[in-house]
Structures are given as C-alpha cells and as structure tokens.
Protein backbone atom coordinates (compact mmCIF):
# COMPACT_ATOMS: atom_id res chain seq x y z
CA MET A 1 0.00 0.00 0.00
CA ALA A 2 1.38 3.41 -0.97
CA ARG A 3 2.19 5.89 1.75
CA SER A 4 0.04 9.02 1.85
CA ARG A 5 1.41 12.43 0.94
CA ALA A 6 0.95 13.50 4.57
CA VAL A 7 3.10 10.59 5.79
CA ILE A 8 5.81 11.36 3.22
CA PHE A 9 5.70 15.05 4.18
CA GLU A 10 6.16 14.24 7.89
CA GLU A 11 8.96 11.77 7.15
CA ARG A 12 10.85 14.40 5.18
CA ARG A 13 10.31 17.00 7.90
CA GLU A 14 11.74 14.56 10.43
CA LYS A 15 14.70 13.77 8.17
CA ILE A 16 15.47 17.50 7.91
CA ALA A 17 14.99 18.02 11.67
CA ALA A 18 17.30 15.10 12.50
CA ALA A 19 20.05 16.39 10.20
CA ALA A 20 19.63 19.95 11.47
CA ALA A 21 19.77 18.78 15.09
CA GLU A 22 23.12 17.08 14.51
CA LEU A 23 24.55 20.14 12.76
CA MET A 24 23.21 22.63 15.31
CA ALA A 25 24.45 20.52 18.20
CA LYS A 26 27.92 20.54 16.65
CA ASN A 27 28.11 24.08 15.23
CA GLY A 28 25.41 25.98 17.12
CA PHE A 29 22.26 27.51 15.67
CA LEU A 30 24.09 30.58 14.39
CA GLY A 31 26.90 28.47 12.96
CA THR A 32 24.54 26.31 10.92
CA SER A 33 23.14 27.61 7.64
CA THR A 34 20.15 26.42 5.68
CA ALA A 35 22.60 25.48 2.94
CA ASP A 36 24.47 23.25 5.43
CA ILE A 37 21.23 21.50 6.36
CA ALA A 38 20.25 21.07 2.71
CA ALA A 39 23.65 19.55 1.91
CA ALA A 40 23.36 17.12 4.84
CA CYS A 41 19.92 16.05 3.55
CA ASN A 42 21.07 15.87 -0.07
CA MET A 43 18.34 18.36 -0.95
CA HIS A 44 18.18 21.74 -2.63
CA LYS A 45 17.99 24.68 -0.21
CA SER A 46 14.51 25.56 -1.52
CA MET A 47 13.25 22.16 -0.29
CA ILE A 48 14.22 23.05 3.26
CA HIS A 49 12.10 26.19 2.97
CA TYR A 50 9.22 24.14 1.60
CA TYR A 51 9.13 22.08 4.81
CA PHE A 52 10.14 24.84 7.25
CA SER A 53 9.44 28.51 6.58
CA SER A 54 12.56 29.62 8.47
CA LYS A 55 15.55 28.29 10.37
CA GLU A 56 13.81 29.48 13.57
CA GLU A 57 10.77 27.35 12.74
CA LEU A 58 13.08 24.38 12.27
CA LEU A 59 14.77 25.09 15.61
CA PHE A 60 11.37 25.24 17.30
CA ALA A 61 10.30 21.96 15.68
CA ILE A 62 13.44 20.24 17.00
CA MET A 63 12.94 21.60 20.51
CA TRP A 64 9.19 21.04 20.61
CA GLY A 65 9.47 17.46 19.37
CA HIS A 66 11.97 16.71 22.14
CA VAL A 67 10.43 18.55 25.09
CA SER A 68 6.81 17.62 24.34
CA ASN A 69 7.86 13.96 24.27
CA LEU A 70 9.52 14.39 27.69
CA VAL A 71 6.36 16.01 29.10
CA ASP A 72 4.11 13.29 27.68
CA GLN A 73 6.28 10.57 29.19
CA ALA A 74 6.46 12.35 32.55
CA LYS A 75 2.66 12.61 32.64
CA ALA A 76 2.38 8.92 31.75
CA VAL A 77 4.62 8.06 34.71
CA ALA A 78 2.55 10.34 36.96
CA SER A 79 -0.61 8.47 35.99
CA ARG A 80 0.78 5.14 37.24
CA LYS A 81 -0.47 3.86 40.57
CA MET A 82 2.75 3.69 42.56
CA PRO A 83 4.39 5.62 45.41
CA ALA A 84 5.92 9.01 44.62
CA ASP A 85 9.49 7.81 45.20
CA GLU A 86 9.02 5.05 42.61
CA GLN A 87 7.43 7.48 40.15
CA LEU A 88 10.39 9.80 40.60
CA ARG A 89 12.77 6.90 39.97
CA TRP A 90 10.89 5.91 36.79
CA LEU A 91 10.93 9.50 35.61
CA ALA A 92 14.72 9.59 36.04
CA ARG A 93 15.03 6.44 33.92
CA ILE A 94 12.81 7.84 31.19
CA LEU A 95 14.67 11.15 31.11
CA MET A 96 18.03 9.37 30.96
CA GLU A 97 16.79 7.16 28.14
CA ASP A 98 15.56 10.12 26.11
CA TYR A 99 18.64 12.23 26.78
CA SER A 100 21.02 9.42 25.85
CA PHE A 101 19.18 8.50 22.64
CA ALA A 102 18.73 12.10 21.51
CA PRO A 103 21.86 13.92 22.74
CA ALA A 104 21.85 16.43 19.89
CA ARG A 105 18.25 17.46 20.58
CA GLN A 106 18.93 17.67 24.31
CA LYS A 107 21.98 19.86 23.70
CA ILE A 108 19.92 22.17 21.50
CA LEU A 109 17.16 22.36 24.10
CA MET A 110 19.69 23.30 26.76
CA ASN A 111 21.74 25.77 24.71
CA GLU A 112 19.73 27.34 21.90
CA ILE A 113 16.44 28.51 23.44
CA GLY A 114 17.62 32.13 23.24
CA ASN A 115 17.57 31.90 19.44
CA LEU A 116 13.82 31.31 19.31
CA PRO A 117 11.40 34.20 18.74
CA PRO A 118 9.82 35.26 22.07
CA GLU A 119 6.43 33.63 21.44
CA LYS A 120 8.02 30.28 20.52
CA ARG A 121 10.45 30.54 23.42
CA ALA A 122 7.47 30.96 25.76
CA VAL A 123 5.93 27.72 24.45
CA ILE A 124 9.12 25.74 25.11
CA MET A 125 9.60 27.31 28.54
CA GLN A 126 6.02 26.42 29.49
CA ALA A 127 6.65 22.81 28.50
CA GLN A 128 9.79 22.81 30.65
CA ARG A 129 7.73 24.20 33.56
CA ASP A 130 5.16 21.45 33.01
CA LEU A 131 7.94 18.89 33.29
CA MET A 132 9.22 20.49 36.49
CA ASP A 133 5.68 20.63 37.91
CA VAL A 134 5.43 16.84 37.71
CA THR A 135 8.60 16.55 39.79
CA ASP A 136 7.46 19.27 42.17
CA LYS A 137 4.37 17.20 43.02
CA TYR A 138 6.60 14.26 43.94
CA VAL A 139 8.73 16.46 46.19
CA ALA A 140 5.64 17.86 47.90
CA GLU A 141 4.32 14.36 48.48
CA LEU A 142 7.64 12.96 49.72
CA SER A 143 8.68 15.80 52.04
CA TYR A 144 6.40 16.91 54.85
CA THR A 145 8.85 19.75 55.56
CA LEU A 146 8.53 21.14 52.02
CA ARG A 147 4.88 20.24 51.37
CA ASN A 148 3.45 23.69 52.10
CA HIS A 149 6.47 25.66 50.88
CA PRO A 150 6.49 25.70 47.06
CA LYS A 151 9.29 28.28 46.80
CA GLN A 152 11.54 26.14 48.96
CA ARG A 153 10.86 23.12 46.72
CA VAL A 154 12.21 24.90 43.63
CA PRO A 155 15.93 24.28 44.40
CA TYR A 156 15.22 20.58 44.96
CA VAL A 157 13.38 20.26 41.65
CA MET A 158 16.14 22.15 39.84
CA MET A 159 18.81 19.92 41.44
CA TYR A 160 16.95 16.81 40.28
CA PHE A 161 17.01 18.02 36.69
CA GLY A 162 20.54 19.35 37.11
CA MET A 163 21.78 15.81 37.80
CA LEU A 164 20.12 14.45 34.66
CA ASN A 165 19.91 17.24 32.08
CA TRP A 166 23.62 17.32 31.26
CA THR A 167 24.25 13.59 31.06
CA HIS A 168 24.09 13.91 27.27
CA THR A 169 27.54 15.54 27.48
CA TRP A 170 29.30 12.55 29.04
CA PHE A 171 27.15 9.40 29.06
CA ASP A 172 28.30 6.65 26.69
CA ARG A 173 25.63 4.08 25.80
CA ALA A 174 28.42 1.67 24.83
CA GLY A 175 30.20 2.19 28.17
CA PRO A 176 30.18 -0.05 31.24
CA VAL A 177 27.37 1.81 33.06
CA THR A 178 23.75 1.40 31.95
CA ILE A 179 21.10 4.09 31.52
CA LYS A 180 19.13 2.53 34.38
CA THR A 181 22.17 2.60 36.69
CA VAL A 182 22.83 6.29 36.09
CA ALA A 183 19.13 7.12 36.54
CA ASP A 184 18.97 5.12 39.78
CA ILE A 185 22.11 6.80 41.12
CA ALA A 186 20.55 10.21 40.48
CA ALA A 187 17.22 9.16 42.01
CA ASP A 188 18.93 7.69 45.10
CA MET A 189 21.07 10.77 45.66
CA PHE A 190 18.03 13.00 45.26
CA LEU A 191 15.73 10.97 47.51
CA LYS A 192 18.36 10.70 50.25
CA GLY A 193 18.80 14.48 50.16
CA LEU A 194 15.14 15.35 50.65
CA PRO A 195 14.20 16.59 54.12
CA GLY A 196 11.65 14.42 55.92
C-alpha cells in the first residue's frame, strides 16, 4: 500500500529536523546555515524552505518534538499507581533514556532557546515548567517539611534536573554503566537528600 502524501511530508520534515539537530548541536544555531542543512539532507535549499518557513521554525520543531515527548512521558509516569518515590525513579530512567538516545536534541534544548522568537520561546519554557511541575508534586508528596512551601521546593526540583539534564555531554551508551544505573544513582542521591 502506498504511503500518503501526509506521511511522506512528515517523514521528510523529520529527516530534515534530524540532520539539522546534529549540525546545530555541533556548530550551534548561528553556525549552521540552511545550505548546510540542505547539503546534509542531499536536498536543494529551496526544499528546506518548503518544509520549514525559516531556520527558527526548524529550531522550534526540533525543541518542541523533544520537550513535548519528555512532558508526555512524565505525565504517563505520573498516571501510574505507585508511590511518589518510585514514580520519581521511573521519571529519572525515562529522562536518561531520552537524553542518551537524543543527545543532539537535548543539547539544542539546553543551549539554543535564546535563538527562538519570544512567542516560541514561551511555548518551550512552558513545556519545561510542566515537566518540572510533575517533579514538584513528587517532592511535595515525599517531604512533609517542604509540602506547604512551594518556593523552597524549587531548588530541589532544579537539582533533580541538574543531575540528569547534562548527562548527554558525558554518558556513553556503549560504556560499562547502563542508563538505568545512572538514573537510579541520580534518584537515590536526590531521595536521600530530601528533608523528611
């Protein structure tokens, strides 16, 4: 059965986004031209503009695809019937898995948000807040001391993500330590540091 035009269109958009993510992760957003992306995709530059109206739209698509997937997975974990400490551990594993399998997209999310137009930047930042809100609920549930003090929970939530967000810079999937091990180390360190 032949693939529909819509499927082919989305496949080509993803091919362009994947190539652009690798280039932007290596050379930065400003150091990557549309011509570079076209060459990496073996396409004419005009084809890039057919699928993405601007380089900024392409940057947004890369970031949104990555962060919205993280939020969806975090919400799926939150919907499971299990204690908050186990949900937090599962979230760490999912984040580690995504970060390690999409290091270029994670690097772009961490480093290139300032190159988005303000309205698109706001969308990405809201998604990041949604992700942090899931973790904040776990902290509130796990710590009686912090339960009624949302501002005091912020550093804990940021530390949790701080342990995981930059693993894309050093984690080696072919190395001796597994994704699960790194995630569990981060979760254990975090849980042991929470006040009662």
